[in-house]
């Protein structure tokens, strides 16, 4: 274990022998860090925080601090971080609250740039990209492969579906279905993330079906209930391989609690 002489690591903390801790960093007593993870200088990791393998934390981040929630009364809530994440400078990840599930979760293989804030009870999937100054309010759920542009911010309880892309300086107050690109204030949809889907191995037929589903929801002039009924017909007409992705899009509409950005 390579711990700088100026770092403060509580004796109760559980760090794998391969973990590196930089100068002036502080690791609290309820922190667990798995193999290969590197903690840069001036990083504070506290709370009941579990960090997986091969993560890299750059300088000046605050990980596992108490929620910015006036209802929080010191309950032993959690922060769970997966494997192979890159967390750049000045990021803040908070613990969960007992008013929700009591845990904030960040998955694996995420690229999180400087000044990103992930608030209490957020659930972030895998392989996301958060550009500089992106911010999540409490209880936000982010799907796999989502991209958040710089200075974008997401209202509490919003959900963003897998493969969606949010443009720079966008403020979201409603849910974003999978595959959709949007930006602006107020936020508006501008098609699907075709380039992202191509890079991730989606076939031309799958992308075409997803594009048609997008048109049904956003371009047909149908009400939301009418669009759902039409999407059900599109799913029934497709092969299982293609119907799977339209079903993901369709099911998201049923689980939305804040309404869909349209």
C-alpha atoms as a PDB file:
ATOM      1  CA  UNK A   1       0.000   0.000   0.000  1.00  0.00           C
ATOM      2  CA  UNK A   2       1.428   3.380  -1.037  1.00  0.00           C
ATOM      3  CA  UNK A   3       0.124   6.018   1.386  1.00  0.00           C
ATOM      4  CA  UNK A   4       1.796   9.424   1.359  1.00  0.00           C
ATOM      5  CA  UNK A   5       3.248  10.455   4.705  1.00  0.00           C
ATOM      6  CA  UNK A   6       0.945  13.497   4.889  1.00  0.00           C
ATOM      7  CA  UNK A   7      -2.247  11.537   4.181  1.00  0.00           C
ATOM      8  CA  UNK A   8      -4.569  10.660   7.075  1.00  0.00           C
ATOM      9  CA  UNK A   9      -6.114   7.196   6.841  1.00  0.00           C
ATOM     10  CA  UNK A  10      -8.291   6.088   9.751  1.00  0.00           C
ATOM     11  CA  UNK A  11      -7.115   2.757  11.180  1.00  0.00           C
ATOM     12  CA  UNK A  12     -10.640   1.369  10.749  1.00  0.00           C
ATOM     13  CA  UNK A  13     -10.706   2.076   7.016  1.00  0.00           C
ATOM     14  CA  UNK A  14     -10.390  -1.024   4.814  1.00  0.00           C
ATOM     15  CA  UNK A  15      -7.985  -0.457   1.929  1.00  0.00           C
ATOM     16  CA  UNK A  16      -6.579  -3.129  -0.338  1.00  0.00           C
ATOM     17  CA  UNK A  17      -2.789  -3.392  -0.171  1.00  0.00           C
ATOM     18  CA  UNK A  18      -2.514  -2.047  -3.750  1.00  0.00           C
ATOM     19  CA  UNK A  19      -4.432   1.185  -3.105  1.00  0.00           C
ATOM     20  CA  UNK A  20      -2.467   4.447  -3.477  1.00  0.00           C
ATOM     21  CA  UNK A  21      -3.330   7.538  -1.418  1.00  0.00           C
ATOM     22  CA  UNK A  22      -1.846  10.918  -2.319  1.00  0.00           C
ATOM     23  CA  UNK A  23      -0.568  13.779  -0.221  1.00  0.00           C
ATOM     24  CA  UNK A  24      -2.925  15.411   2.301  1.00  0.00           C
ATOM     25  CA  UNK A  25      -5.847  13.132   1.450  1.00  0.00           C
ATOM     26  CA  UNK A  26      -8.168  11.992   4.247  1.00  0.00           C
ATOM     27  CA  UNK A  27      -9.857   8.585   4.412  1.00  0.00           C
ATOM     28  CA  UNK A  28     -12.561   8.050   7.049  1.00  0.00           C
ATOM     29  CA  UNK A  29     -13.201   5.020   9.280  1.00  0.00           C
ATOM     30  CA  UNK A  30     -16.150   3.558   7.336  1.00  0.00           C
ATOM     31  CA  UNK A  31     -14.499   3.633   3.921  1.00  0.00           C
ATOM     32  CA  UNK A  32     -13.654   0.492   1.938  1.00  0.00           C
ATOM     33  CA  UNK A  33     -11.492   0.693  -1.201  1.00  0.00           C
ATOM     34  CA  UNK A  34     -10.707  -2.281  -3.440  1.00  0.00           C
ATOM     35  CA  UNK A  35      -7.606  -3.204  -5.433  1.00  0.00           C
ATOM     36  CA  UNK A  36      -5.891  -0.925  -7.914  1.00  0.00           C
ATOM     37  CA  UNK A  37      -7.701   2.280  -6.979  1.00  0.00           C
ATOM     38  CA  UNK A  38      -5.678   5.487  -6.868  1.00  0.00           C
ATOM     39  CA  UNK A  39      -6.605   8.428  -4.654  1.00  0.00           C
ATOM     40  CA  UNK A  40      -4.881  11.654  -5.664  1.00  0.00           C
ATOM     41  CA  UNK A  41      -3.762  14.486  -3.347  1.00  0.00           C
ATOM     42  CA  UNK A  42      -6.205  16.548  -1.264  1.00  0.00           C
ATOM     43  CA  UNK A  43      -9.110  14.111  -1.666  1.00  0.00           C
ATOM     44  CA  UNK A  44     -11.546  13.552   1.220  1.00  0.00           C
ATOM     45  CA  UNK A  45     -13.407  10.229   1.323  1.00  0.00           C
ATOM     46  CA  UNK A  46     -15.773   9.812   4.266  1.00  0.00           C
ATOM     47  CA  UNK A  47     -19.104   8.285   5.293  1.00  0.00           C
ATOM     48  CA  UNK A  48     -20.074   4.660   4.699  1.00  0.00           C
ATOM     49  CA  UNK A  49     -18.441   4.633   1.275  1.00  0.00           C
ATOM     50  CA  UNK A  50     -17.486   1.553  -0.751  1.00  0.00           C
ATOM     51  CA  UNK A  51     -15.226   1.966  -3.798  1.00  0.00           C
ATOM     52  CA  UNK A  52     -14.447  -0.854  -6.219  1.00  0.00           C
ATOM     53  CA  UNK A  53     -11.384  -1.757  -8.268  1.00  0.00           C
ATOM     54  CA  UNK A  54      -9.116   0.315 -10.503  1.00  0.00           C
ATOM     55  CA  UNK A  55     -10.767   3.681  -9.965  1.00  0.00           C
ATOM     56  CA  UNK A  56      -8.828   6.926 -10.289  1.00  0.00           C
ATOM     57  CA  UNK A  57      -9.699   9.986  -8.201  1.00  0.00           C
ATOM     58  CA  UNK A  58      -7.960  13.227  -9.072  1.00  0.00           C
ATOM     59  CA  UNK A  59      -7.191  15.993  -6.588  1.00  0.00           C
ATOM     60  CA  UNK A  60      -9.645  18.015  -4.476  1.00  0.00           C
ATOM     61  CA  UNK A  61     -12.725  15.791  -4.695  1.00  0.00           C
ATOM     62  CA  UNK A  62     -15.164  15.260  -1.794  1.00  0.00           C
ATOM     63  CA  UNK A  63     -16.558  11.738  -1.809  1.00  0.00           C
ATOM     64  CA  UNK A  64     -19.153  10.408   0.653  1.00  0.00           C
ATOM     65  CA  UNK A  65     -20.000  13.628   2.473  1.00  0.00           C
ATOM     66  CA  UNK A  66     -23.371  14.132   4.164  1.00  0.00           C
ATOM     67  CA  UNK A  67     -26.312  14.845   1.841  1.00  0.00           C
ATOM     68  CA  UNK A  68     -27.230  18.444   1.123  1.00  0.00           C
ATOM     69  CA  UNK A  69     -30.688  17.732   2.517  1.00  0.00           C
ATOM     70  CA  UNK A  70     -32.117  19.463   5.584  1.00  0.00           C
ATOM     71  CA  UNK A  71     -33.926  16.257   6.576  1.00  0.00           C
ATOM     72  CA  UNK A  72     -30.655  14.364   6.993  1.00  0.00           C
ATOM     73  CA  UNK A  73     -29.997  13.666  10.683  1.00  0.00           C
ATOM     74  CA  UNK A  74     -26.753  11.724  10.557  1.00  0.00           C
ATOM     75  CA  UNK A  75     -28.201   8.325   9.654  1.00  0.00           C
ATOM     76  CA  UNK A  76     -25.591   5.776   8.429  1.00  0.00           C
ATOM     77  CA  UNK A  77     -26.498   5.924   4.751  1.00  0.00           C
ATOM     78  CA  UNK A  78     -24.299   4.724   1.889  1.00  0.00           C
ATOM     79  CA  UNK A  79     -22.317   5.637  -1.199  1.00  0.00           C
ATOM     80  CA  UNK A  80     -21.385   2.760  -3.509  1.00  0.00           C
ATOM     81  CA  UNK A  81     -18.980   3.230  -6.429  1.00  0.00           C
ATOM     82  CA  UNK A  82     -18.125   0.476  -8.922  1.00  0.00           C
ATOM     83  CA  UNK A  83     -14.955  -0.260 -10.899  1.00  0.00           C
ATOM     84  CA  UNK A  84     -12.710   1.581 -13.380  1.00  0.00           C
ATOM     85  CA  UNK A  85     -14.247   5.014 -12.955  1.00  0.00           C
ATOM     86  CA  UNK A  86     -12.241   8.165 -13.640  1.00  0.00           C
ATOM     87  CA  UNK A  87     -13.239  11.044 -11.359  1.00  0.00           C
ATOM     88  CA  UNK A  88     -11.560  14.351 -12.144  1.00  0.00           C
ATOM     89  CA  UNK A  89     -10.918  17.425  -9.995  1.00  0.00           C
ATOM     90  CA  UNK A  90     -13.351  19.020  -7.520  1.00  0.00           C
ATOM     91  CA  UNK A  91     -16.150  16.439  -7.825  1.00  0.00           C
ATOM     92  CA  UNK A  92     -18.701  15.937  -5.027  1.00  0.00           C
ATOM     93  CA  UNK A  93     -20.584  12.662  -4.464  1.00  0.00           C
ATOM     94  CA  UNK A  94     -22.982  12.571  -1.483  1.00  0.00           C
ATOM     95  CA  UNK A  95     -24.406   9.774   0.655  1.00  0.00           C
ATOM     96  CA  UNK A  96     -28.027   8.628   0.322  1.00  0.00           C
ATOM     97  CA  UNK A  97     -30.915   9.451   2.635  1.00  0.00           C
ATOM     98  CA  UNK A  98     -33.356   7.274   4.569  1.00  0.00           C
ATOM     99  CA  UNK A  99     -36.228   9.025   2.779  1.00  0.00           C
ATOM    100  CA  UNK A 100     -35.187   7.075  -0.340  1.00  0.00           C
ATOM    101  CA  UNK A 101     -33.269   3.793  -0.471  1.00  0.00           C
ATOM    102  CA  UNK A 102     -30.470   5.109   1.721  1.00  0.00           C
ATOM    103  CA  UNK A 103     -27.802   4.713  -0.956  1.00  0.00           C
ATOM    104  CA  UNK A 104     -26.221   6.718  -3.754  1.00  0.00           C
ATOM    105  CA  UNK A 105     -24.821   4.437  -6.488  1.00  0.00           C
ATOM    106  CA  UNK A 106     -22.305   5.081  -9.249  1.00  0.00           C
ATOM    107  CA  UNK A 107     -21.662   2.130 -11.568  1.00  0.00           C
ATOM    108  CA  UNK A 108     -18.525   1.203 -13.506  1.00  0.00           C
ATOM    109  CA  UNK A 109     -16.448   2.577 -16.400  1.00  0.00           C
ATOM    110  CA  UNK A 110     -17.774   6.112 -16.033  1.00  0.00           C
ATOM    111  CA  UNK A 111     -15.807   9.177 -17.174  1.00  0.00           C
ATOM    112  CA  UNK A 112     -16.629  12.013 -14.773  1.00  0.00           C
ATOM    113  CA  UNK A 113     -15.009  15.354 -15.494  1.00  0.00           C
ATOM    114  CA  UNK A 114     -14.202  18.250 -13.169  1.00  0.00           C
ATOM    115  CA  UNK A 115     -16.717  19.922 -10.830  1.00  0.00           C
ATOM    116  CA  UNK A 116     -19.418  17.285 -11.313  1.00  0.00           C
ATOM    117  CA  UNK A 117     -21.952  16.968  -8.474  1.00  0.00           C
ATOM    118  CA  UNK A 118     -23.856  13.733  -7.792  1.00  0.00           C
ATOM    119  CA  UNK A 119     -26.379  14.360  -5.027  1.00  0.00           C
ATOM    120  CA  UNK A 120     -27.987  12.039  -2.515  1.00  0.00           C
ATOM    121  CA  UNK A 121     -29.853   8.928  -3.693  1.00  0.00           C
ATOM    122  CA  UNK A 122     -28.772   9.262  -7.320  1.00  0.00           C
ATOM    123  CA  UNK A 123     -28.240   6.088  -9.327  1.00  0.00           C
ATOM    124  CA  UNK A 124     -25.736   6.370 -12.169  1.00  0.00           C
ATOM    125  CA  UNK A 125     -25.295   3.452 -14.567  1.00  0.00           C
ATOM    126  CA  UNK A 126     -22.224   2.307 -16.486  1.00  0.00           C
ATOM    127  CA  UNK A 127     -20.082   3.861 -19.228  1.00  0.00           C
ATOM    128  CA  UNK A 128     -21.540   7.337 -18.846  1.00  0.00           C
ATOM    129  CA  UNK A 129     -19.736  10.599 -19.608  1.00  0.00           C
ATOM    130  CA  UNK A 130     -20.390  13.657 -17.442  1.00  0.00           C
ATOM    131  CA  UNK A 131     -18.694  16.759 -18.823  1.00  0.00           C
ATOM    132  CA  UNK A 132     -17.415  19.604 -16.645  1.00  0.00           C
ATOM    133  CA  UNK A 133     -19.887  21.110 -14.153  1.00  0.00           C
ATOM    134  CA  UNK A 134     -22.716  18.674 -14.884  1.00  0.00           C
ATOM    135  CA  UNK A 135     -24.888  18.414 -11.772  1.00  0.00           C
ATOM    136  CA  UNK A 136     -27.507  15.964 -10.548  1.00  0.00           C
ATOM    137  CA  UNK A 137     -30.013  16.932  -7.858  1.00  0.00           C
ATOM    138  CA  UNK A 138     -31.255  14.278  -5.453  1.00  0.00           C
ATOM    139  CA  UNK A 139     -32.936  11.006  -6.505  1.00  0.00           C
ATOM    140  CA  UNK A 140     -31.910  11.255 -10.179  1.00  0.00           C
ATOM    141  CA  UNK A 141     -31.506   8.016 -12.165  1.00  0.00           C
ATOM    142  CA  UNK A 142     -29.100   7.921 -15.121  1.00  0.00           C
ATOM    143  CA  UNK A 143     -29.012   4.949 -17.516  1.00  0.00           C
ATOM    144  CA  UNK A 144     -25.995   3.291 -19.138  1.00  0.00           C
ATOM    145  CA  UNK A 145     -24.037   5.150 -21.848  1.00  0.00           C
ATOM    146  CA  UNK A 146     -25.696   8.522 -21.095  1.00  0.00           C
ATOM    147  CA  UNK A 147     -23.712  11.653 -21.984  1.00  0.00           C
ATOM    148  CA  UNK A 148     -24.281  14.908 -20.082  1.00  0.00           C
ATOM    149  CA  UNK A 149     -22.838  18.045 -21.631  1.00  0.00           C
ATOM    150  CA  UNK A 150     -20.926  20.668 -19.670  1.00  0.00           C
ATOM    151  CA  UNK A 151     -22.964  22.814 -17.251  1.00  0.00           C
ATOM    152  CA  UNK A 152     -26.055  20.644 -17.745  1.00  0.00           C
ATOM    153  CA  UNK A 153     -28.188  20.136 -14.655  1.00  0.00           C
ATOM    154  CA  UNK A 154     -30.910  17.666 -13.787  1.00  0.00           C
ATOM    155  CA  UNK A 155     -33.853  18.350 -11.464  1.00  0.00           C
ATOM    156  CA  UNK A 156     -34.527  16.024  -8.543  1.00  0.00           C
ATOM    157  CA  UNK A 157     -36.377  12.751  -9.275  1.00  0.00           C
ATOM    158  CA  UNK A 158     -35.732  12.963 -13.028  1.00  0.00           C
ATOM    159  CA  UNK A 159     -34.689   9.925 -15.053  1.00  0.00           C
ATOM    160  CA  UNK A 160     -32.550   9.781 -18.191  1.00  0.00           C
ATOM    161  CA  UNK A 161     -32.751   6.592 -20.258  1.00  0.00           C
ATOM    162  CA  UNK A 162     -29.812   4.634 -21.654  1.00  0.00           C
ATOM    163  CA  UNK A 163     -27.868   6.053 -24.635  1.00  0.00           C
ATOM    164  CA  UNK A 164     -29.472   9.500 -24.310  1.00  0.00           C
ATOM    165  CA  UNK A 165     -27.359  12.609 -24.858  1.00  0.00           C
ATOM    166  CA  UNK A 166     -27.934  15.965 -23.160  1.00  0.00           C
ATOM    167  CA  UNK A 167     -26.404  19.077 -24.681  1.00  0.00           C
ATOM    168  CA  UNK A 168     -24.294  21.723 -22.969  1.00  0.00           C
ATOM    169  CA  UNK A 169     -25.994  24.070 -20.471  1.00  0.00           C
ATOM    170  CA  UNK A 170     -29.309  22.217 -20.642  1.00  0.00           C
ATOM    171  CA  UNK A 171     -31.610  22.305 -17.604  1.00  0.00           C
ATOM    172  CA  UNK A 172     -33.784  19.213 -17.295  1.00  0.00           C
ATOM    173  CA  UNK A 173     -36.991  19.223 -15.277  1.00  0.00           C
ATOM    174  CA  UNK A 174     -38.600  16.173 -16.922  1.00  0.00           C
ATOM    175  CA  UNK A 175     -37.563  12.664 -17.919  1.00  0.00           C
ATOM    176  CA  UNK A 176     -35.571  11.841 -21.067  1.00  0.00           C
ATOM    177  CA  UNK A 177     -36.387   8.576 -22.895  1.00  0.00           C
ATOM    178  CA  UNK A 178     -33.601   6.233 -24.017  1.00  0.00           C
ATOM    179  CA  UNK A 179     -31.661   7.071 -27.210  1.00  0.00           C
ATOM    180  CA  UNK A 180     -32.864  10.710 -27.403  1.00  0.00           C
ATOM    181  CA  UNK A 181     -30.674  13.777 -28.004  1.00  0.00           C
ATOM    182  CA  UNK A 182     -31.878  17.024 -26.493  1.00  0.00           C
ATOM    183  CA  UNK A 183     -30.676  20.437 -25.421  1.00  0.00           C
ATOM    184  CA  UNK A 184     -31.788  23.998 -24.770  1.00  0.00           C
ATOM    185  CA  UNK A 185     -33.742  25.912 -22.160  1.00  0.00           C
ATOM    186  CA  UNK A 186     -36.435  24.805 -22.072  1.00  0.00           C
ATOM    187  CA  UNK A 187     -35.055  21.426 -23.084  1.00  0.00           C
ATOM    188  CA  UNK A 188     -36.281  20.048 -26.405  1.00  0.00           C
ATOM    189  CA  UNK A 189     -35.665  16.772 -28.239  1.00  0.00           C
ATOM    190  CA  UNK A 190     -33.644  16.836 -31.477  1.00  0.00           C
ATOM    191  CA  UNK A 191     -33.587  13.251 -32.732  1.00  0.00           C
ATOM    192  CA  UNK A 192     -31.807  10.119 -31.559  1.00  0.00           C
ATOM    193  CA  UNK A 193     -28.167   9.458 -30.739  1.00  0.00           C
ATOM    194  CA  UNK A 194     -27.359   7.761 -34.045  1.00  0.00           C
ATOM    195  CA  UNK A 195     -23.568   8.109 -33.888  1.00  0.00           C
ATOM    196  CA  UNK A 196     -23.464   6.765 -30.350  1.00  0.00           C
ATOM    197  CA  UNK A 197     -25.594   3.763 -31.308  1.00  0.00           C
ATOM    198  CA  UNK A 198     -23.385   2.996 -34.315  1.00  0.00           C
ATOM    199  CA  UNK A 199     -20.277   3.036 -32.126  1.00  0.00           C
ATOM    200  CA  UNK A 200     -21.941   0.616 -29.711  1.00  0.00           C
ATOM    201  CA  UNK A 201     -22.756  -1.940 -32.402  1.00  0.00           C
ATOM    202  CA  UNK A 202     -26.427  -1.262 -33.121  1.00  0.00           C
ATOM    203  CA  UNK A 203     -27.408  -2.498 -36.574  1.00  0.00           C
ATOM    204  CA  UNK A 204     -28.871  -0.286 -39.289  1.00  0.00           C
ATOM    205  CA  UNK A 205     -32.232  -2.022 -38.818  1.00  0.00           C
ATOM    206  CA  UNK A 206     -32.217  -1.451 -35.074  1.00  0.00           C
ATOM    207  CA  UNK A 207     -31.351   2.218 -35.475  1.00  0.00           C
ATOM    208  CA  UNK A 208     -34.066   2.642 -38.111  1.00  0.00           C
ATOM    209  CA  UNK A 209     -36.661   1.133 -35.773  1.00  0.00           C
ATOM    210  CA  UNK A 210     -35.555   3.350 -32.885  1.00  0.00           C
ATOM    211  CA  UNK A 211     -35.771   6.387 -35.158  1.00  0.00           C
ATOM    212  CA  UNK A 212     -39.312   5.438 -36.130  1.00  0.00           C
ATOM    213  CA  UNK A 213     -40.241   5.058 -32.461  1.00  0.00           C
ATOM    214  CA  UNK A 214     -38.852   8.549 -31.849  1.00  0.00           C
ATOM    215  CA  UNK A 215     -40.953   9.938 -34.704  1.00  0.00           C
ATOM    216  CA  UNK A 216     -44.050   8.262 -33.299  1.00  0.00           C
ATOM    217  CA  UNK A 217     -43.564   9.968 -29.938  1.00  0.00           C
ATOM    218  CA  UNK A 218     -42.243  13.345 -31.069  1.00  0.00           C
ATOM    219  CA  UNK A 219     -43.286  14.002 -34.677  1.00  0.00           C
ATOM    220  CA  UNK A 220     -46.641  12.321 -35.236  1.00  0.00           C
ATOM    221  CA  UNK A 221     -48.822  14.824 -33.387  1.00  0.00           C
ATOM    222  CA  UNK A 222     -50.268  12.005 -31.281  1.00  0.00           C
ATOM    223  CA  UNK A 223     -51.053  12.374 -27.604  1.00  0.00           C
ATOM    224  CA  UNK A 224     -48.853  10.392 -25.228  1.00  0.00           C
ATOM    225  CA  UNK A 225     -51.465   7.652 -24.831  1.00  0.00           C
ATOM    226  CA  UNK A 226     -51.988   7.465 -28.591  1.00  0.00           C
ATOM    227  CA  UNK A 227     -48.233   7.287 -29.146  1.00  0.00           C
ATOM    228  CA  UNK A 228     -47.955   4.421 -26.631  1.00  0.00           C
ATOM    229  CA  UNK A 229     -50.633   2.478 -28.503  1.00  0.00           C
ATOM    230  CA  UNK A 230     -48.851   3.052 -31.812  1.00  0.00           C
ATOM    231  CA  UNK A 231     -45.526   1.957 -30.313  1.00  0.00           C
ATOM    232  CA  UNK A 232     -47.170  -1.263 -29.151  1.00  0.00           C
ATOM    233  CA  UNK A 233     -48.131  -1.953 -32.772  1.00  0.00           C
ATOM    234  CA  UNK A 234     -44.568  -1.239 -33.925  1.00  0.00           C
ATOM    235  CA  UNK A 235     -43.182  -3.662 -31.345  1.00  0.00           C
ATOM    236  CA  UNK A 236     -45.589  -6.412 -32.454  1.00  0.00           C
ATOM    237  CA  UNK A 237     -44.533  -5.988 -36.085  1.00  0.00           C
ATOM    238  CA  UNK A 238     -40.790  -6.397 -35.467  1.00  0.00           C
ATOM    239  CA  UNK A 239     -38.439  -9.309 -34.900  1.00  0.00           C
ATOM    240  CA  UNK A 240     -37.402  -9.965 -31.309  1.00  0.00           C
ATOM    241  CA  UNK A 241     -33.937  -8.444 -31.868  1.00  0.00           C
ATOM    242  CA  UNK A 242     -35.399  -5.137 -33.007  1.00  0.00           C
ATOM    243  CA  UNK A 243     -38.494  -5.148 -30.792  1.00  0.00           C
ATOM    244  CA  UNK A 244     -36.270  -5.306 -27.697  1.00  0.00           C
ATOM    245  CA  UNK A 245     -35.041  -1.738 -28.183  1.00  0.00           C
ATOM    246  CA  UNK A 246     -38.440  -0.293 -29.058  1.00  0.00           C
ATOM    247  CA  UNK A 247     -39.787  -2.015 -25.942  1.00  0.00           C
ATOM    248  CA  UNK A 248     -37.097  -0.300 -23.847  1.00  0.00           C
ATOM    249  CA  UNK A 249     -38.210   3.031 -25.281  1.00  0.00           C
ATOM    250  CA  UNK A 250     -41.907   2.202 -24.766  1.00  0.00           C
ATOM    251  CA  UNK A 251     -41.518   0.903 -21.185  1.00  0.00           C
ATOM    252  CA  UNK A 252     -39.686   4.059 -20.150  1.00  0.00           C
ATOM    253  CA  UNK A 253     -42.826   6.041 -20.934  1.00  0.00           C
ATOM    254  CA  UNK A 254     -44.802   3.965 -18.433  1.00  0.00           C
ATOM    255  CA  UNK A 255     -42.255   4.407 -15.641  1.00  0.00           C
ATOM    256  CA  UNK A 256     -41.893   8.175 -16.009  1.00  0.00           C
ATOM    257  CA  UNK A 257     -43.119  10.078 -12.960  1.00  0.00           C
ATOM    258  CA  UNK A 258     -42.129  13.625 -13.943  1.00  0.00           C
ATOM    259  CA  UNK A 259     -43.388  13.475 -17.525  1.00  0.00           C
ATOM    260  CA  UNK A 260     -41.394  13.226 -20.747  1.00  0.00           C
ATOM    261  CA  UNK A 261     -39.489  16.098 -22.323  1.00  0.00           C
ATOM    262  CA  UNK A 262     -41.381  16.733 -25.555  1.00  0.00           C
END
